[in-house]
Protein backbone atom coordinates (compact mmCIF):
# COMPACT_ATOMS: atom_id res chain seq x y z
CA ALA A 1 0.26 2.75 -4.07
CA GLY A 2 0.60 6.15 -5.71
CA THR A 3 -1.44 7.22 -8.70
CA ASN A 4 -2.75 5.01 -11.50
CA PRO A 5 -1.86 1.51 -10.25
CA THR A 6 -1.93 -0.96 -13.14
CA ASP A 7 -2.05 -4.45 -11.62
CA VAL A 8 -2.48 -6.26 -8.30
CA ALA A 9 -1.94 -9.80 -6.99
CA PHE A 10 -2.14 -11.56 -3.63
CA SER A 11 0.52 -13.62 -1.90
CA LEU A 12 -0.22 -17.34 -1.72
CA ASP A 13 -1.48 -17.04 1.86
CA ALA A 14 -3.49 -13.88 1.03
CA ALA A 15 -1.70 -11.99 3.82
CA TRP A 16 -0.14 -9.52 1.41
CA ALA A 17 -1.28 -7.68 -1.68
CA TYR A 18 1.23 -6.46 -4.25
CA VAL A 19 0.24 -3.43 -6.32
CA LEU A 20 2.12 -2.50 -9.47
CA ASN A 21 2.52 1.20 -10.10
CA SER A 22 4.03 1.53 -13.56
CA ALA A 23 4.11 5.31 -13.55
CA GLU A 24 6.30 5.41 -10.44
CA GLY A 25 8.24 2.25 -11.28
CA LYS A 26 7.52 0.31 -8.12
CA VAL A 27 5.68 -2.60 -6.53
CA VAL A 28 3.95 -1.61 -3.30
CA LYS A 29 3.42 -4.26 -0.61
CA PHE A 30 0.21 -4.04 1.43
CA ASP A 31 -0.56 -5.72 4.73
CA VAL A 32 -4.07 -7.04 4.01
CA ALA A 33 -5.18 -7.44 7.65
CA ARG A 34 -4.12 -3.90 8.62
CA ASN A 35 -4.85 -2.38 5.19
CA VAL A 36 -1.64 -0.36 5.19
CA ALA A 37 1.36 -0.14 2.89
CA ALA A 38 4.39 -2.04 4.18
CA GLY A 39 7.12 -0.95 1.81
CA SER A 40 7.87 -0.87 -1.90
CA ILE A 41 10.30 -2.33 -4.43
CA ASP A 42 11.69 -0.28 -7.31
CA ILE A 43 11.31 -1.64 -10.85
CA ALA A 44 13.18 -0.33 -13.89
CA GLY A 45 11.54 0.07 -17.27
CA SER A 46 7.91 0.32 -18.31
CA ALA A 47 6.15 -2.40 -16.30
CA THR A 48 3.08 -4.08 -17.80
CA GLY A 49 1.95 -6.85 -15.46
CA LEU A 50 2.40 -8.54 -12.10
CA SER A 51 1.80 -12.17 -11.04
CA VAL A 52 2.59 -14.34 -8.03
CA ALA A 53 4.09 -17.70 -8.97
CA PRO A 54 3.22 -21.03 -7.28
CA ASN A 55 6.53 -20.79 -5.37
CA GLY A 56 5.54 -17.41 -3.93
CA LEU A 57 7.92 -15.25 -5.98
CA ILE A 58 6.57 -12.12 -7.66
CA TRP A 59 6.99 -11.74 -11.40
CA VAL A 60 6.86 -8.31 -13.00
CA SER A 61 6.94 -7.93 -16.77
CA ALA A 62 8.44 -4.77 -18.23
CA SER A 63 9.97 -3.38 -21.39
CA ASN A 64 12.70 -5.81 -22.53
CA ALA A 65 12.85 -7.51 -19.13
CA ILE A 66 11.14 -9.79 -16.64
CA TYR A 67 11.85 -9.18 -12.96
CA VAL A 68 11.53 -11.93 -10.35
CA ILE A 69 11.10 -10.47 -6.87
CA ASP A 70 11.73 -12.21 -3.57
CA PRO A 71 8.95 -10.85 -1.34
CA VAL A 72 10.76 -11.83 1.88
CA ALA A 73 13.94 -9.98 0.93
CA GLY A 74 11.91 -7.20 -0.69
CA ALA A 75 14.24 -7.03 -3.67
CA VAL A 76 14.67 -8.18 -7.26
CA ALA A 77 16.24 -11.65 -7.18
CA LYS A 78 16.51 -12.24 -10.93
CA GLN A 79 16.32 -10.17 -14.10
CA ILE A 80 15.54 -12.01 -17.33
CA ASP A 81 16.33 -9.98 -20.44
CA VAL A 82 14.00 -10.37 -23.44
CA ASN A 83 13.47 -8.55 -26.70
CA GLY A 84 9.93 -7.18 -26.53
CA LEU A 85 7.22 -6.06 -24.15
CA PRO A 86 5.99 -9.12 -22.24
CA GLY A 87 2.56 -9.18 -20.64
CA LYS A 88 1.29 -10.83 -17.46
CA ALA A 89 2.97 -14.15 -16.62
CA ALA A 90 1.16 -17.47 -16.30
CA PHE A 91 2.73 -20.46 -14.54
CA THR A 92 2.54 -24.24 -14.69
CA PRO A 93 1.22 -25.68 -11.40
CA ASN A 94 4.60 -27.22 -10.52
CA ALA A 95 6.38 -23.84 -10.91
CA ARG A 96 8.60 -25.22 -13.65
CA TYR A 97 7.59 -22.93 -16.54
CA ALA A 98 6.26 -19.43 -16.99
CA PHE A 99 4.82 -18.04 -20.19
CA LEU A 100 4.44 -14.36 -21.01
CA PRO A 101 2.76 -13.11 -24.21
CA ASN A 102 4.46 -10.41 -26.23
CA SER A 103 2.56 -7.19 -26.90
CA ALA A 104 1.12 -6.45 -30.33
CA ALA A 105 3.52 -3.55 -30.92
CA PHE A 106 6.53 -5.87 -30.59
CA ILE A 107 5.10 -8.99 -32.22
CA ALA A 108 7.89 -8.97 -34.83
CA THR A 109 10.24 -10.29 -32.13
CA GLY A 110 8.02 -13.27 -31.32
CA LEU A 111 4.62 -14.26 -29.93
CA GLY A 112 5.82 -14.66 -26.37
CA PHE A 113 8.44 -15.94 -23.97
CA LEU A 114 8.70 -19.31 -22.24
CA VAL A 115 10.85 -19.14 -19.11
CA ASP A 116 12.38 -22.15 -17.38
CA MET A 117 11.80 -21.28 -13.72
CA GLN A 118 14.72 -23.43 -12.57
CA THR A 119 17.38 -21.84 -14.76
CA TYR A 120 15.63 -18.51 -15.53
CA THR A 121 16.42 -18.87 -19.22
CA SER A 122 13.89 -17.74 -21.80
CA THR A 123 12.90 -19.14 -25.18
CA VAL A 124 11.04 -17.10 -27.77
CA LEU A 125 7.81 -18.51 -29.18
CA ALA A 126 8.28 -17.91 -32.90
CA ARG A 127 5.72 -16.21 -35.09
CA THR A 128 3.42 -18.42 -37.14
CA GLY A 129 3.63 -16.31 -40.31
CA SER A 130 -0.16 -16.24 -40.60
CA SER A 131 -2.07 -13.17 -41.72
CA PRO A 132 -3.13 -11.66 -39.49
CA GLU A 133 -0.42 -12.81 -37.12
CA LEU A 134 -1.55 -14.18 -33.77
CA VAL A 135 -1.37 -11.81 -30.80
CA LEU A 136 -1.72 -13.73 -27.54
CA ASP A 137 -3.51 -12.65 -24.38
CA GLN A 138 -5.16 -14.19 -21.27
CA VAL A 139 -2.66 -17.01 -20.95
CA GLY A 140 -3.27 -19.86 -18.50
CA ALA A 141 -1.69 -23.24 -17.76
CA ALA A 142 -3.81 -26.38 -18.07
CA ASP A 143 -1.11 -28.71 -16.73
CA GLU A 144 2.64 -28.95 -16.29
CA LEU A 145 3.38 -28.86 -20.03
CA THR A 146 0.50 -26.97 -21.66
CA PHE A 147 -0.66 -23.37 -21.82
CA PHE A 148 -3.75 -21.96 -23.50
CA ALA A 149 -4.35 -18.40 -24.68
CA VAL A 150 -6.67 -16.20 -26.70
CA SER A 151 -5.49 -14.70 -29.97
CA THR A 152 -6.95 -11.22 -30.01
CA THR A 153 -6.33 -10.71 -33.73
CA THR A 154 -8.04 -13.89 -34.90
CA ARG A 155 -10.43 -14.36 -31.95
CA GLN A 156 -9.59 -17.99 -31.46
CA LEU A 157 -8.36 -20.27 -28.71
CA VAL A 158 -4.78 -21.46 -29.12
CA LYS A 159 -2.79 -24.18 -27.40
CA ILE A 160 0.87 -23.70 -26.49
CA PRO A 161 2.71 -26.96 -25.71
CA VAL A 162 6.01 -26.56 -23.88
CA ALA A 163 7.87 -29.50 -25.44
CA PRO A 164 8.41 -28.83 -28.21
CA LEU A 165 7.45 -25.17 -27.86
CA GLY A 166 4.95 -24.10 -30.49
CA VAL A 167 1.45 -22.91 -31.29
CA VAL A 168 -1.42 -25.28 -32.08
CA THR A 169 -4.62 -23.89 -33.58
CA ASN A 170 -6.61 -27.05 -34.30
CA GLY A 171 -7.25 -30.60 -33.10
CA PHE A 172 -7.81 -29.88 -29.40
CA LEU A 173 -10.72 -29.22 -27.03
CA LEU A 174 -12.80 -26.19 -28.17
CA ALA A 175 -10.35 -25.44 -30.99
CA THR A 176 -13.20 -24.85 -33.45
CA THR A 177 -14.90 -22.24 -31.26
CA ALA A 178 -15.32 -18.98 -33.19
CA ASP A 179 -15.27 -15.37 -32.02
CA VAL A 180 -13.38 -16.11 -28.79
CA ARG A 181 -13.13 -13.07 -26.53
CA ALA A 182 -11.92 -14.54 -23.23
CA MET A 183 -10.67 -17.75 -21.65
CA THR A 184 -10.03 -19.14 -18.18
CA LEU A 185 -9.05 -22.49 -16.67
CA SER A 186 -10.20 -24.12 -13.45
CA GLN A 187 -7.58 -24.40 -10.72
CA GLN A 188 -7.52 -28.09 -9.78
CA LEU A 189 -4.12 -29.69 -9.21
CA PRO A 190 -2.08 -31.14 -10.79
CA GLN A 191 -4.08 -30.12 -13.86
CA ALA A 192 -7.19 -28.18 -14.76
CA THR A 193 -10.47 -30.03 -15.15
CA TYR A 194 -12.35 -27.38 -17.10
CA ILE A 195 -11.72 -24.64 -19.62
CA TYR A 196 -14.26 -21.87 -20.08
CA VAL A 197 -14.39 -19.81 -23.26
CA ALA A 198 -16.44 -16.64 -23.74
CA THR A 199 -17.49 -15.73 -27.27
CA GLY A 200 -19.40 -12.72 -28.53
CA SER A 201 -22.69 -14.50 -27.78
CA SER A 202 -22.11 -17.38 -25.32
CA ILE A 203 -19.98 -19.02 -22.65
CA ILE A 204 -18.77 -22.54 -23.42
CA ARG A 205 -17.38 -25.06 -20.96
CA GLY A 206 -15.01 -27.83 -21.99
CA ARG A 207 -13.88 -30.71 -19.77
CA PHE A 208 -10.43 -32.23 -20.19
CA ALA A 209 -10.34 -36.04 -20.34
C-alpha cells in the first residue's frame, strides 16, 4: 500500500480490503485470504477518506471532489465536484444518500455535502451562523432519512435530517448531552436501535423508539 496509508475499508463480503494512500494518490486493493495486493486505482487530488457504500461501491473523498469507484471494473465510475475538503462518507442503509462533512479549514463553503446516490448530485449543508460555527465529524446514519454527527467545535451531538436538509441541535435523543467527544450508531436494519455517545467522563447509550 506504499508509505503512510491514511484509511482502510472492507468490501461487503470481507473478501477485499481497500487501502487509501493519499501521498501516492491511489487506492490499493488487497486480497484478504491471500494477504497480497491485487492492483490499485489512481485518485486525483488530496484524498482524505475512504468508505464502502451499502451497494458495494467505494467512495473516496478528496480536495474539491468525491470519487465513486467501481471495484469490479477497478476504475472511477463517477466524480462529484464540490467546493471544499469533504471527509469520510456515511451512507443511509438503503444506499439512497451519502453525507460527507466539510473540513474545518473550508467551513466557509458549508458544513458538509449531501449526495443523492441515484443521481450523484450534491447539496451543500449551509452554515448555521453560530459562534463558534459547527464543524462536523464522525457522521453516521440512523435511518433512511437521518444522519447524526459530532460537532468538534461545540462538543455536542447534532442531528442532520435529509428532507429538508438542515442541522438540528435540540429536541432529540441525547441532544442535551454535554462535552461530546465521539458517537456511533448500532447497525440494525432498516434503522439503528441504539446510539452511543462518549463524553469526557462517560459513555451514554440512547435507544430510539
